[in-house]
């Protein structure tokens, strides 16, 4: 993901342009002078639970690993 920076003083005049670029996958860091203060990212790339069912967790995901794993023979 490409990351760009913009000073907060410029955001209002360029908001429509920024939103179009964000929709294409670009990430913007808002700065106050040289100090980063916020990040604008595409919502689909950062929202947990947005794609329900896209992943799963095994019923035994938290079971201890076999000794063979720790001994390097697995």
N, C-alpha and C. Protein backbone atom coordinates (compact mmCIF):
# COMPACT_ATOMS: atom_id res chain seq x y z
N UNK A 1 0.85 -1.18 0.00
CA UNK A 1 0.00 0.00 0.00
C UNK A 1 0.89 1.24 0.00
N UNK A 2 0.61 2.14 -0.87
CA UNK A 2 1.37 3.37 -0.99
C UNK A 2 0.95 4.36 0.09
N UNK A 3 1.89 4.97 0.80
CA UNK A 3 1.57 5.94 1.85
C UNK A 3 2.11 7.31 1.45
N UNK A 4 1.25 8.33 1.58
CA UNK A 4 1.62 9.70 1.29
C UNK A 4 1.32 10.56 2.50
N UNK A 5 1.88 11.75 2.55
CA UNK A 5 1.64 12.67 3.65
C UNK A 5 1.04 13.97 3.15
N UNK A 6 0.21 14.57 4.01
CA UNK A 6 -0.38 15.87 3.68
C UNK A 6 -0.59 16.64 4.98
N UNK A 7 -0.33 17.93 4.94
CA UNK A 7 -0.53 18.78 6.11
C UNK A 7 -2.03 19.04 6.28
N UNK A 8 -2.49 19.09 7.52
CA UNK A 8 -3.92 19.29 7.79
C UNK A 8 -4.44 20.58 7.19
N UNK A 9 -3.58 21.55 6.99
CA UNK A 9 -4.01 22.83 6.39
C UNK A 9 -4.44 22.67 4.93
N UNK A 10 -3.97 21.60 4.26
CA UNK A 10 -4.30 21.37 2.86
C UNK A 10 -5.50 20.44 2.67
N UNK A 11 -5.87 19.71 3.70
CA UNK A 11 -6.87 18.66 3.56
C UNK A 11 -8.21 19.19 3.05
N UNK A 12 -8.70 20.27 3.61
CA UNK A 12 -10.02 20.76 3.23
C UNK A 12 -10.11 21.09 1.75
N UNK A 13 -9.08 21.66 1.20
CA UNK A 13 -9.13 22.02 -0.22
C UNK A 13 -8.91 20.82 -1.14
N UNK A 14 -8.36 19.73 -0.62
CA UNK A 14 -8.06 18.56 -1.45
C UNK A 14 -8.83 17.31 -1.02
N UNK A 15 -9.86 17.45 -0.17
CA UNK A 15 -10.54 16.29 0.39
C UNK A 15 -11.11 15.36 -0.67
N UNK A 16 -11.76 15.88 -1.67
CA UNK A 16 -12.34 15.02 -2.71
C UNK A 16 -11.25 14.22 -3.43
N UNK A 17 -10.15 14.86 -3.73
CA UNK A 17 -9.02 14.17 -4.37
C UNK A 17 -8.45 13.09 -3.46
N UNK A 18 -8.29 13.41 -2.17
CA UNK A 18 -7.76 12.44 -1.21
C UNK A 18 -8.66 11.22 -1.11
N UNK A 19 -9.97 11.45 -1.01
CA UNK A 19 -10.91 10.33 -0.89
C UNK A 19 -10.88 9.44 -2.14
N UNK A 20 -10.73 10.03 -3.30
CA UNK A 20 -10.64 9.24 -4.53
C UNK A 20 -9.39 8.37 -4.51
N UNK A 21 -8.28 8.92 -4.05
CA UNK A 21 -7.03 8.16 -4.00
C UNK A 21 -7.09 7.08 -2.92
N UNK A 22 -7.72 7.38 -1.80
CA UNK A 22 -7.88 6.38 -0.74
C UNK A 22 -8.72 5.22 -1.24
N UNK A 23 -9.77 5.51 -2.00
CA UNK A 23 -10.62 4.46 -2.55
C UNK A 23 -9.84 3.54 -3.48
N UNK A 24 -8.75 4.04 -4.06
CA UNK A 24 -7.90 3.24 -4.94
C UNK A 24 -6.82 2.48 -4.18
N UNK A 25 -6.80 2.62 -2.84
CA UNK A 25 -5.86 1.86 -2.02
C UNK A 25 -4.72 2.65 -1.43
N UNK A 26 -4.66 3.93 -1.68
CA UNK A 26 -3.58 4.73 -1.10
C UNK A 26 -3.88 5.06 0.35
N UNK A 27 -2.84 5.22 1.13
CA UNK A 27 -2.94 5.59 2.53
C UNK A 27 -2.34 6.97 2.70
N UNK A 28 -3.01 7.83 3.47
CA UNK A 28 -2.53 9.18 3.71
C UNK A 28 -2.28 9.39 5.19
N UNK A 29 -1.16 10.01 5.52
CA UNK A 29 -0.85 10.41 6.88
C UNK A 29 -1.09 11.91 6.97
N UNK A 30 -1.96 12.33 7.90
CA UNK A 30 -2.20 13.75 8.12
C UNK A 30 -1.16 14.25 9.11
N UNK A 31 -0.55 15.37 8.79
CA UNK A 31 0.48 15.92 9.65
C UNK A 31 0.12 17.34 10.07
N UNK A 32 0.65 17.74 11.21
CA UNK A 32 0.58 19.13 11.66
C UNK A 32 2.02 19.60 11.67
N UNK A 33 2.41 20.24 10.59
CA UNK A 33 3.83 20.52 10.39
C UNK A 33 4.52 19.19 10.07
N UNK A 34 5.49 18.81 10.88
CA UNK A 34 6.19 17.54 10.68
C UNK A 34 5.66 16.43 11.58
N UNK A 35 4.67 16.74 12.42
CA UNK A 35 4.17 15.76 13.40
C UNK A 35 2.97 14.99 12.83
N UNK A 36 3.09 13.65 12.67
CA UNK A 36 1.95 12.86 12.21
C UNK A 36 0.85 12.86 13.27
N UNK A 37 -0.40 13.06 12.82
CA UNK A 37 -1.50 13.11 13.79
C UNK A 37 -2.64 12.15 13.47
N UNK A 38 -2.76 11.70 12.23
CA UNK A 38 -3.84 10.78 11.88
C UNK A 38 -3.49 10.03 10.60
N UNK A 39 -4.21 8.94 10.35
CA UNK A 39 -4.00 8.15 9.14
C UNK A 39 -5.35 7.94 8.47
N UNK A 40 -5.42 8.18 7.18
CA UNK A 40 -6.61 7.90 6.38
C UNK A 40 -6.32 6.68 5.52
N UNK A 41 -7.14 5.64 5.66
CA UNK A 41 -6.93 4.39 4.93
C UNK A 41 -8.26 3.92 4.35
N UNK A 42 -8.21 3.09 3.31
CA UNK A 42 -9.45 2.51 2.79
C UNK A 42 -10.12 1.68 3.88
N UNK A 43 -11.39 1.85 4.07
CA UNK A 43 -12.09 1.17 5.16
C UNK A 43 -12.06 -0.34 5.02
N UNK A 44 -12.12 -0.86 3.82
CA UNK A 44 -12.13 -2.31 3.62
C UNK A 44 -10.83 -2.96 4.08
N UNK A 45 -9.73 -2.22 4.10
CA UNK A 45 -8.46 -2.83 4.47
C UNK A 45 -8.21 -2.84 5.97
N UNK A 46 -9.06 -2.21 6.77
CA UNK A 46 -8.78 -2.09 8.20
C UNK A 46 -9.91 -2.49 9.14
N UNK A 47 -11.09 -2.82 8.64
CA UNK A 47 -12.21 -3.09 9.52
C UNK A 47 -12.30 -4.57 9.85
N UNK A 48 -12.10 -4.91 11.12
CA UNK A 48 -12.20 -6.29 11.56
C UNK A 48 -13.65 -6.76 11.44
N UNK A 49 -13.85 -7.96 10.97
CA UNK A 49 -15.19 -8.51 10.86
C UNK A 49 -15.93 -8.10 9.60
N UNK A 50 -15.29 -7.36 8.73
CA UNK A 50 -15.96 -6.89 7.53
C UNK A 50 -16.32 -8.05 6.60
N UNK A 51 -15.49 -9.08 6.57
CA UNK A 51 -15.72 -10.23 5.71
C UNK A 51 -15.98 -11.46 6.58
N UNK A 52 -17.11 -11.45 7.26
CA UNK A 52 -17.45 -12.56 8.15
C UNK A 52 -17.41 -13.88 7.40
N UNK A 53 -16.80 -14.88 8.01
CA UNK A 53 -16.71 -16.19 7.40
C UNK A 53 -15.52 -16.37 6.49
N UNK A 54 -14.74 -15.32 6.26
CA UNK A 54 -13.59 -15.40 5.37
C UNK A 54 -12.44 -16.17 6.02
N UNK A 55 -12.43 -16.25 7.32
CA UNK A 55 -11.40 -17.01 8.04
C UNK A 55 -12.08 -17.92 9.05
N UNK A 56 -11.33 -18.87 9.56
CA UNK A 56 -11.86 -19.76 10.57
C UNK A 56 -10.76 -20.11 11.55
N UNK A 57 -11.15 -20.58 12.70
CA UNK A 57 -10.20 -21.00 13.73
C UNK A 57 -10.48 -22.45 14.08
N UNK A 58 -9.45 -23.26 14.06
CA UNK A 58 -9.58 -24.67 14.40
C UNK A 58 -10.03 -24.81 15.85
N UNK A 59 -10.83 -25.83 16.12
CA UNK A 59 -11.31 -26.06 17.48
C UNK A 59 -10.17 -26.28 18.47
N UNK A 60 -9.02 -26.74 17.98
CA UNK A 60 -7.90 -27.04 18.88
C UNK A 60 -6.76 -26.03 18.76
N UNK A 61 -7.07 -24.81 18.33
CA UNK A 61 -6.01 -23.82 18.08
C UNK A 61 -5.18 -23.51 19.32
N UNK A 62 -5.76 -23.66 20.51
CA UNK A 62 -5.01 -23.33 21.72
C UNK A 62 -4.52 -24.55 22.49
N UNK A 63 -4.60 -25.73 21.88
CA UNK A 63 -4.06 -26.94 22.51
C UNK A 63 -2.53 -26.86 22.51
N UNK A 64 -1.91 -27.46 23.51
CA UNK A 64 -0.43 -27.47 23.53
C UNK A 64 0.12 -28.20 22.30
N UNK A 65 1.26 -27.73 21.83
CA UNK A 65 1.91 -28.38 20.69
C UNK A 65 2.61 -29.64 21.16
N UNK A 66 2.70 -30.62 20.28
CA UNK A 66 3.33 -31.89 20.59
C UNK A 66 4.81 -31.70 20.86
N UNK A 67 5.38 -32.59 21.66
CA UNK A 67 6.81 -32.54 21.96
C UNK A 67 7.65 -32.58 20.70
N UNK A 68 7.18 -33.32 19.69
CA UNK A 68 7.92 -33.42 18.42
C UNK A 68 8.12 -32.04 17.78
N UNK A 69 7.14 -31.17 17.95
CA UNK A 69 7.27 -29.82 17.40
C UNK A 69 8.43 -29.10 18.06
N UNK A 70 8.51 -29.16 19.38
CA UNK A 70 9.54 -28.45 20.12
C UNK A 70 10.92 -29.09 19.95
N UNK A 71 10.95 -30.40 19.68
CA UNK A 71 12.22 -31.11 19.51
C UNK A 71 12.75 -30.99 18.09
N UNK A 72 11.96 -30.45 17.19
CA UNK A 72 12.41 -30.27 15.81
C UNK A 72 12.21 -31.49 14.95
N UNK A 73 11.46 -32.47 15.39
CA UNK A 73 11.28 -33.69 14.59
C UNK A 73 9.89 -33.74 13.93
N UNK A 74 9.12 -32.70 14.06
CA UNK A 74 7.78 -32.69 13.44
C UNK A 74 7.83 -32.14 12.05
